[in-house]
N, C-alpha and C. Protein backbone atom coordinates (compact mmCIF):
# COMPACT_ATOMS: atom_id res chain seq x y z
N MET A 1 -14.22 128.15 -216.68
CA MET A 1 -13.28 127.06 -216.47
C MET A 1 -13.84 126.03 -215.49
N GLN A 2 -14.43 126.49 -214.43
CA GLN A 2 -15.02 125.60 -213.44
C GLN A 2 -16.08 124.69 -214.06
N ARG A 3 -16.94 125.27 -214.88
CA ARG A 3 -18.01 124.52 -215.51
C ARG A 3 -17.44 123.45 -216.45
N TYR A 4 -16.42 123.76 -217.16
CA TYR A 4 -15.79 122.81 -218.07
C TYR A 4 -15.25 121.60 -217.31
N THR A 5 -14.63 121.84 -216.17
CA THR A 5 -14.09 120.76 -215.35
C THR A 5 -15.20 119.85 -214.86
N VAL A 6 -16.28 120.41 -214.38
CA VAL A 6 -17.41 119.61 -213.90
C VAL A 6 -18.00 118.80 -215.05
N THR A 7 -18.16 119.42 -216.19
CA THR A 7 -18.70 118.72 -217.36
C THR A 7 -17.78 117.58 -217.77
N LEU A 8 -16.49 117.81 -217.73
CA LEU A 8 -15.53 116.78 -218.09
C LEU A 8 -15.63 115.60 -217.12
N LEU A 9 -15.72 115.87 -215.84
CA LEU A 9 -15.83 114.80 -214.85
C LEU A 9 -17.13 114.03 -215.01
N VAL A 10 -18.23 114.74 -215.21
CA VAL A 10 -19.51 114.08 -215.38
C VAL A 10 -19.50 113.24 -216.65
N GLY A 11 -18.92 113.79 -217.70
CA GLY A 11 -18.81 113.05 -218.96
C GLY A 11 -17.98 111.79 -218.80
N SER A 12 -16.99 111.80 -217.94
CA SER A 12 -16.13 110.64 -217.72
C SER A 12 -16.88 109.52 -217.00
N TYR A 13 -17.81 109.88 -216.13
CA TYR A 13 -18.50 108.88 -215.33
C TYR A 13 -19.30 107.89 -216.17
N LYS A 14 -19.80 108.31 -217.31
CA LYS A 14 -20.61 107.39 -218.09
C LYS A 14 -19.77 106.25 -218.69
N HIS A 15 -18.44 106.40 -218.66
CA HIS A 15 -17.57 105.33 -219.16
C HIS A 15 -16.92 104.55 -218.02
N LEU A 16 -17.30 104.84 -216.79
CA LEU A 16 -16.68 104.16 -215.65
C LEU A 16 -16.95 102.66 -215.64
N TRP A 17 -18.06 102.19 -216.19
CA TRP A 17 -18.35 100.75 -216.23
C TRP A 17 -17.23 100.00 -216.95
N PHE A 18 -16.57 100.67 -217.85
CA PHE A 18 -15.55 100.05 -218.67
C PHE A 18 -14.31 99.66 -217.85
N PHE A 19 -13.93 100.49 -216.91
CA PHE A 19 -12.72 100.26 -216.11
C PHE A 19 -12.77 98.94 -215.35
N PRO A 20 -13.82 98.67 -214.56
CA PRO A 20 -13.86 97.37 -213.86
C PRO A 20 -13.87 96.18 -214.83
N ALA A 21 -14.50 96.35 -215.99
CA ALA A 21 -14.52 95.26 -216.97
C ALA A 21 -13.12 94.97 -217.48
N VAL A 22 -12.34 96.02 -217.74
CA VAL A 22 -10.97 95.84 -218.21
C VAL A 22 -10.11 95.19 -217.13
N VAL A 23 -10.24 95.65 -215.90
CA VAL A 23 -9.48 95.07 -214.79
C VAL A 23 -9.83 93.60 -214.62
N ALA A 24 -11.12 93.28 -214.65
CA ALA A 24 -11.55 91.88 -214.51
C ALA A 24 -11.01 91.02 -215.64
N ALA A 25 -11.05 91.53 -216.86
CA ALA A 25 -10.55 90.77 -218.01
C ALA A 25 -9.05 90.51 -217.88
N LEU A 26 -8.30 91.53 -217.49
CA LEU A 26 -6.86 91.35 -217.31
C LEU A 26 -6.56 90.35 -216.20
N PHE A 27 -7.33 90.40 -215.12
CA PHE A 27 -7.15 89.46 -214.02
C PHE A 27 -7.41 88.03 -214.50
N CYS A 28 -8.49 87.83 -215.25
CA CYS A 28 -8.83 86.50 -215.73
C CYS A 28 -7.78 85.97 -216.69
N VAL A 29 -7.29 86.82 -217.58
CA VAL A 29 -6.26 86.40 -218.53
C VAL A 29 -5.00 86.01 -217.78
N SER A 30 -4.62 86.78 -216.77
CA SER A 30 -3.40 86.44 -216.02
C SER A 30 -3.59 85.14 -215.26
N CYS A 31 -4.79 84.89 -214.71
CA CYS A 31 -5.05 83.62 -214.03
C CYS A 31 -4.96 82.47 -215.02
N ASP A 32 -5.56 82.67 -216.18
CA ASP A 32 -5.57 81.66 -217.22
C ASP A 32 -4.15 81.28 -217.62
N TRP A 33 -3.31 82.26 -217.92
CA TRP A 33 -1.94 81.99 -218.35
C TRP A 33 -1.11 81.39 -217.23
N GLY A 34 -1.35 81.83 -216.00
CA GLY A 34 -0.62 81.25 -214.87
C GLY A 34 -0.95 79.78 -214.70
N GLU A 35 -2.22 79.46 -214.81
CA GLU A 35 -2.65 78.06 -214.69
C GLU A 35 -2.07 77.23 -215.83
N TRP A 36 -2.09 77.81 -217.03
CA TRP A 36 -1.57 77.11 -218.21
C TRP A 36 -0.08 76.82 -218.04
N ARG A 37 0.69 77.84 -217.65
CA ARG A 37 2.14 77.66 -217.47
C ARG A 37 2.46 76.64 -216.39
N GLU A 38 1.71 76.68 -215.30
CA GLU A 38 1.94 75.74 -214.21
C GLU A 38 1.64 74.31 -214.65
N GLN A 39 0.55 74.11 -215.36
CA GLN A 39 0.20 72.78 -215.84
C GLN A 39 1.25 72.27 -216.83
N GLU A 40 1.70 73.14 -217.71
CA GLU A 40 2.72 72.73 -218.68
C GLU A 40 4.04 72.40 -217.99
N ARG A 41 4.39 73.16 -216.97
CA ARG A 41 5.61 72.87 -216.20
C ARG A 41 5.53 71.47 -215.59
N LYS A 42 4.40 71.14 -214.98
CA LYS A 42 4.22 69.82 -214.38
C LYS A 42 4.31 68.72 -215.44
N LEU A 43 3.64 68.92 -216.56
CA LEU A 43 3.62 67.91 -217.60
C LEU A 43 5.00 67.66 -218.20
N LYS A 44 5.76 68.73 -218.43
CA LYS A 44 7.12 68.57 -218.95
C LYS A 44 7.98 67.76 -217.99
N MET A 45 7.85 68.05 -216.69
CA MET A 45 8.60 67.31 -215.68
C MET A 45 8.22 65.83 -215.71
N LEU A 46 6.92 65.55 -215.81
CA LEU A 46 6.45 64.16 -215.82
C LEU A 46 6.96 63.41 -217.05
N VAL A 47 6.96 64.06 -218.20
CA VAL A 47 7.46 63.42 -219.43
C VAL A 47 8.96 63.15 -219.30
N LEU A 48 9.71 64.13 -218.80
CA LEU A 48 11.16 63.96 -218.66
C LEU A 48 11.52 62.80 -217.75
N MET A 49 10.74 62.60 -216.69
CA MET A 49 11.05 61.49 -215.77
C MET A 49 10.38 60.18 -216.18
N GLY A 50 9.59 60.19 -217.26
CA GLY A 50 8.92 58.96 -217.71
C GLY A 50 7.97 58.43 -216.65
N ALA A 51 7.18 59.32 -216.07
CA ALA A 51 6.30 58.97 -214.96
C ALA A 51 5.25 57.94 -215.34
N THR A 52 4.86 57.16 -214.35
CA THR A 52 3.78 56.20 -214.54
C THR A 52 2.43 56.93 -214.44
N LYS A 53 1.38 56.24 -214.81
CA LYS A 53 0.05 56.83 -214.73
C LYS A 53 -0.28 57.22 -213.28
N SER A 54 0.06 56.36 -212.33
CA SER A 54 -0.24 56.68 -210.92
C SER A 54 0.58 57.89 -210.44
N GLN A 55 1.81 58.05 -210.91
CA GLN A 55 2.60 59.23 -210.55
C GLN A 55 1.99 60.49 -211.16
N CYS A 56 1.51 60.40 -212.39
CA CYS A 56 0.86 61.54 -213.04
C CYS A 56 -0.39 61.95 -212.27
N ILE A 57 -1.17 60.98 -211.85
CA ILE A 57 -2.39 61.27 -211.09
C ILE A 57 -2.03 61.93 -209.76
N ALA A 58 -0.96 61.47 -209.13
CA ALA A 58 -0.53 62.07 -207.85
C ALA A 58 -0.14 63.54 -208.03
N VAL A 59 0.45 63.89 -209.17
CA VAL A 59 0.88 65.27 -209.42
C VAL A 59 -0.26 66.13 -209.96
N LEU A 60 -1.04 65.59 -210.89
CA LEU A 60 -2.07 66.38 -211.58
C LEU A 60 -3.42 66.37 -210.88
N GLY A 61 -3.66 65.39 -210.04
CA GLY A 61 -4.92 65.33 -209.31
C GLY A 61 -5.81 64.18 -209.77
N THR A 62 -6.85 63.93 -208.99
CA THR A 62 -7.71 62.78 -209.24
C THR A 62 -8.98 63.11 -210.00
N ASN A 63 -9.14 64.35 -210.41
CA ASN A 63 -10.34 64.76 -211.14
C ASN A 63 -10.10 64.59 -212.65
N TYR A 64 -10.15 63.36 -213.13
CA TYR A 64 -9.83 63.06 -214.52
C TYR A 64 -10.81 62.05 -215.10
N VAL A 65 -10.76 61.92 -216.41
CA VAL A 65 -11.49 60.86 -217.11
C VAL A 65 -10.43 59.95 -217.72
N ASP A 66 -10.51 58.66 -217.43
CA ASP A 66 -9.55 57.69 -217.94
C ASP A 66 -10.09 57.09 -219.24
N HIS A 67 -9.42 57.41 -220.36
CA HIS A 67 -9.89 56.94 -221.67
C HIS A 67 -9.40 55.54 -222.01
N SER A 68 -8.70 54.88 -221.08
CA SER A 68 -8.35 53.48 -221.32
C SER A 68 -9.54 52.58 -220.98
N ILE A 69 -10.52 53.11 -220.26
CA ILE A 69 -11.75 52.38 -219.97
C ILE A 69 -12.61 52.42 -221.23
N PRO A 70 -13.05 51.26 -221.73
CA PRO A 70 -13.76 51.21 -223.03
C PRO A 70 -14.96 52.16 -223.15
N SER A 71 -15.77 52.29 -222.13
CA SER A 71 -16.93 53.18 -222.24
C SER A 71 -16.50 54.65 -222.34
N ASN A 72 -15.46 55.02 -221.62
CA ASN A 72 -14.94 56.39 -221.70
C ASN A 72 -14.29 56.64 -223.07
N ARG A 73 -13.60 55.63 -223.59
CA ARG A 73 -12.97 55.76 -224.91
C ARG A 73 -14.05 55.94 -225.99
N ALA A 74 -15.14 55.20 -225.88
CA ALA A 74 -16.24 55.32 -226.84
C ALA A 74 -16.85 56.73 -226.78
N ALA A 75 -17.02 57.25 -225.57
CA ALA A 75 -17.56 58.61 -225.40
C ALA A 75 -16.60 59.64 -226.01
N LEU A 76 -15.29 59.44 -225.83
CA LEU A 76 -14.29 60.34 -226.41
C LEU A 76 -14.38 60.32 -227.94
N MET A 77 -14.46 59.15 -228.51
CA MET A 77 -14.53 59.05 -229.97
C MET A 77 -15.81 59.69 -230.49
N GLN A 78 -16.90 59.54 -229.77
CA GLN A 78 -18.16 60.17 -230.16
C GLN A 78 -18.04 61.69 -230.09
N PHE A 79 -17.42 62.20 -229.01
CA PHE A 79 -17.20 63.64 -228.86
C PHE A 79 -16.37 64.18 -230.03
N LEU A 80 -15.27 63.51 -230.34
CA LEU A 80 -14.40 63.97 -231.42
C LEU A 80 -15.11 63.91 -232.78
N SER A 81 -15.99 62.95 -232.97
CA SER A 81 -16.70 62.85 -234.25
C SER A 81 -17.68 64.00 -234.44
N ARG A 82 -18.15 64.59 -233.35
CA ARG A 82 -19.08 65.73 -233.44
C ARG A 82 -18.36 67.06 -233.61
N GLU A 83 -17.10 67.12 -233.25
CA GLU A 83 -16.32 68.35 -233.37
C GLU A 83 -15.95 68.59 -234.83
N PRO A 84 -15.88 69.86 -235.26
CA PRO A 84 -15.42 70.15 -236.62
C PRO A 84 -14.01 69.57 -236.84
N THR A 85 -13.75 69.09 -238.02
CA THR A 85 -12.48 68.40 -238.29
C THR A 85 -11.25 69.32 -238.18
N ASN A 86 -11.46 70.63 -238.24
CA ASN A 86 -10.32 71.55 -238.10
C ASN A 86 -10.05 71.91 -236.64
N ARG A 87 -10.84 71.39 -235.72
CA ARG A 87 -10.61 71.63 -234.29
C ARG A 87 -10.01 70.38 -233.65
N LEU A 88 -9.19 70.60 -232.66
CA LEU A 88 -8.57 69.51 -231.89
C LEU A 88 -7.81 68.51 -232.77
N VAL A 89 -7.16 69.01 -233.79
CA VAL A 89 -6.42 68.15 -234.73
C VAL A 89 -5.32 67.38 -234.01
N GLU A 90 -4.55 68.08 -233.18
CA GLU A 90 -3.46 67.43 -232.43
C GLU A 90 -4.01 66.34 -231.53
N ILE A 91 -5.13 66.60 -230.89
CA ILE A 91 -5.74 65.62 -229.98
C ILE A 91 -6.17 64.39 -230.77
N ARG A 92 -6.82 64.59 -231.90
CA ARG A 92 -7.26 63.46 -232.74
C ARG A 92 -6.08 62.57 -233.13
N GLN A 93 -4.97 63.18 -233.53
CA GLN A 93 -3.80 62.40 -233.93
C GLN A 93 -3.26 61.59 -232.77
N LYS A 94 -3.17 62.21 -231.62
CA LYS A 94 -2.61 61.52 -230.45
C LYS A 94 -3.55 60.44 -229.93
N VAL A 95 -4.86 60.69 -229.98
CA VAL A 95 -5.84 59.69 -229.55
C VAL A 95 -5.74 58.45 -230.46
N ASN A 96 -5.49 58.67 -231.74
CA ASN A 96 -5.34 57.54 -232.66
C ASN A 96 -4.03 56.80 -232.45
N THR A 97 -3.02 57.49 -231.92
CA THR A 97 -1.72 56.87 -231.67
C THR A 97 -1.68 56.14 -230.34
N TYR A 98 -2.26 56.74 -229.31
CA TYR A 98 -2.21 56.18 -227.95
C TYR A 98 -3.64 55.88 -227.48
N SER A 99 -3.89 54.64 -227.13
CA SER A 99 -5.24 54.28 -226.67
C SER A 99 -5.43 54.53 -225.18
N ASN A 100 -4.35 54.84 -224.51
CA ASN A 100 -4.37 55.04 -223.06
C ASN A 100 -4.14 56.53 -222.77
N SER A 101 -5.16 57.20 -222.24
CA SER A 101 -5.01 58.63 -221.94
C SER A 101 -5.88 59.05 -220.78
N LEU A 102 -5.48 60.15 -220.16
CA LEU A 102 -6.27 60.80 -219.11
C LEU A 102 -6.67 62.18 -219.61
N PHE A 103 -7.83 62.63 -219.18
CA PHE A 103 -8.33 63.94 -219.58
C PHE A 103 -8.68 64.73 -218.33
N TYR A 104 -8.12 65.92 -218.22
CA TYR A 104 -8.41 66.86 -217.14
C TYR A 104 -9.06 68.10 -217.75
N SER A 105 -9.97 68.70 -217.02
CA SER A 105 -10.65 69.89 -217.54
C SER A 105 -10.83 70.92 -216.42
N THR A 106 -10.58 72.18 -216.75
CA THR A 106 -10.86 73.30 -215.86
C THR A 106 -11.69 74.30 -216.67
N PRO A 107 -12.18 75.35 -216.04
CA PRO A 107 -12.92 76.35 -216.82
C PRO A 107 -12.09 76.98 -217.93
N TRP A 108 -10.76 76.95 -217.81
CA TRP A 108 -9.90 77.63 -218.78
C TRP A 108 -9.29 76.71 -219.82
N MET A 109 -9.04 75.44 -219.45
CA MET A 109 -8.29 74.60 -220.37
C MET A 109 -8.63 73.13 -220.23
N MET A 110 -8.26 72.39 -221.27
CA MET A 110 -8.34 70.94 -221.28
C MET A 110 -6.92 70.41 -221.32
N THR A 111 -6.66 69.37 -220.54
CA THR A 111 -5.35 68.74 -220.52
C THR A 111 -5.53 67.28 -220.90
N TRP A 112 -4.75 66.84 -221.87
CA TRP A 112 -4.78 65.45 -222.33
C TRP A 112 -3.41 64.86 -222.04
N VAL A 113 -3.37 63.73 -221.37
CA VAL A 113 -2.11 63.08 -221.02
C VAL A 113 -2.13 61.69 -221.66
N PHE A 114 -1.10 61.37 -222.43
CA PHE A 114 -1.06 60.13 -223.20
C PHE A 114 0.02 59.19 -222.67
N PHE A 115 -0.32 57.90 -222.62
CA PHE A 115 0.56 56.89 -222.04
C PHE A 115 0.83 55.77 -223.05
N ASP A 116 1.99 55.12 -222.89
CA ASP A 116 2.30 53.97 -223.74
C ASP A 116 1.64 52.71 -223.17
N GLU A 117 1.96 51.57 -223.76
CA GLU A 117 1.34 50.31 -223.32
C GLU A 117 1.80 49.87 -221.93
N HIS A 118 2.85 50.51 -221.40
CA HIS A 118 3.35 50.18 -220.05
C HIS A 118 2.91 51.22 -219.02
N ASP A 119 1.92 52.03 -219.37
CA ASP A 119 1.39 53.08 -218.48
C ASP A 119 2.43 54.14 -218.10
N ARG A 120 3.32 54.45 -219.02
CA ARG A 120 4.29 55.53 -218.84
C ARG A 120 3.88 56.69 -219.73
N ILE A 121 3.96 57.91 -219.18
CA ILE A 121 3.60 59.09 -219.95
C ILE A 121 4.55 59.27 -221.13
N VAL A 122 3.98 59.53 -222.29
CA VAL A 122 4.80 59.74 -223.48
C VAL A 122 4.54 61.09 -224.13
N ASP A 123 3.38 61.66 -223.88
CA ASP A 123 3.04 62.92 -224.52
C ASP A 123 1.87 63.57 -223.78
N TYR A 124 1.62 64.83 -224.12
CA TYR A 124 0.50 65.56 -223.54
C TYR A 124 0.09 66.65 -224.52
N ALA A 125 -1.08 67.19 -224.27
CA ALA A 125 -1.56 68.33 -225.07
C ALA A 125 -2.41 69.21 -224.19
N LEU A 126 -2.26 70.51 -224.35
CA LEU A 126 -3.10 71.48 -223.66
C LEU A 126 -3.95 72.18 -224.70
N SER A 127 -5.19 72.44 -224.34
CA SER A 127 -6.11 73.08 -225.27
C SER A 127 -7.01 74.04 -224.48
N ALA A 128 -7.30 75.17 -225.07
CA ALA A 128 -8.22 76.13 -224.43
C ALA A 128 -9.64 75.60 -224.49
N GLN A 129 -10.44 75.96 -223.50
CA GLN A 129 -11.86 75.59 -223.50
C GLN A 129 -12.63 76.47 -224.44
């Protein structure tokens, strides 16, 4: 019986690498979803209040790309033309509808914020990286 227990424990050790990997994966997924939910909460609030572009920047941060600038808009259109047509479908539709948008990016997600001609937020989209 003693030998069986030792063999069982030794046999278990070769799979120990798996445990930290599972814990790390679960931690990353929970961080990802927490960040996603928080960003969506902020965006819903901004849309409900009809926030201006400057108010959105104050809430979401200054690390963005402004697609109302012609050179940034051209880069966006070039990026979308290289992507497969079945990817980012919602983004393509909204980019064609609204010429004024901000783009935020983190390691986990992309955030697109769309504005009307008066610089008021009208829509947004979240996408996984």
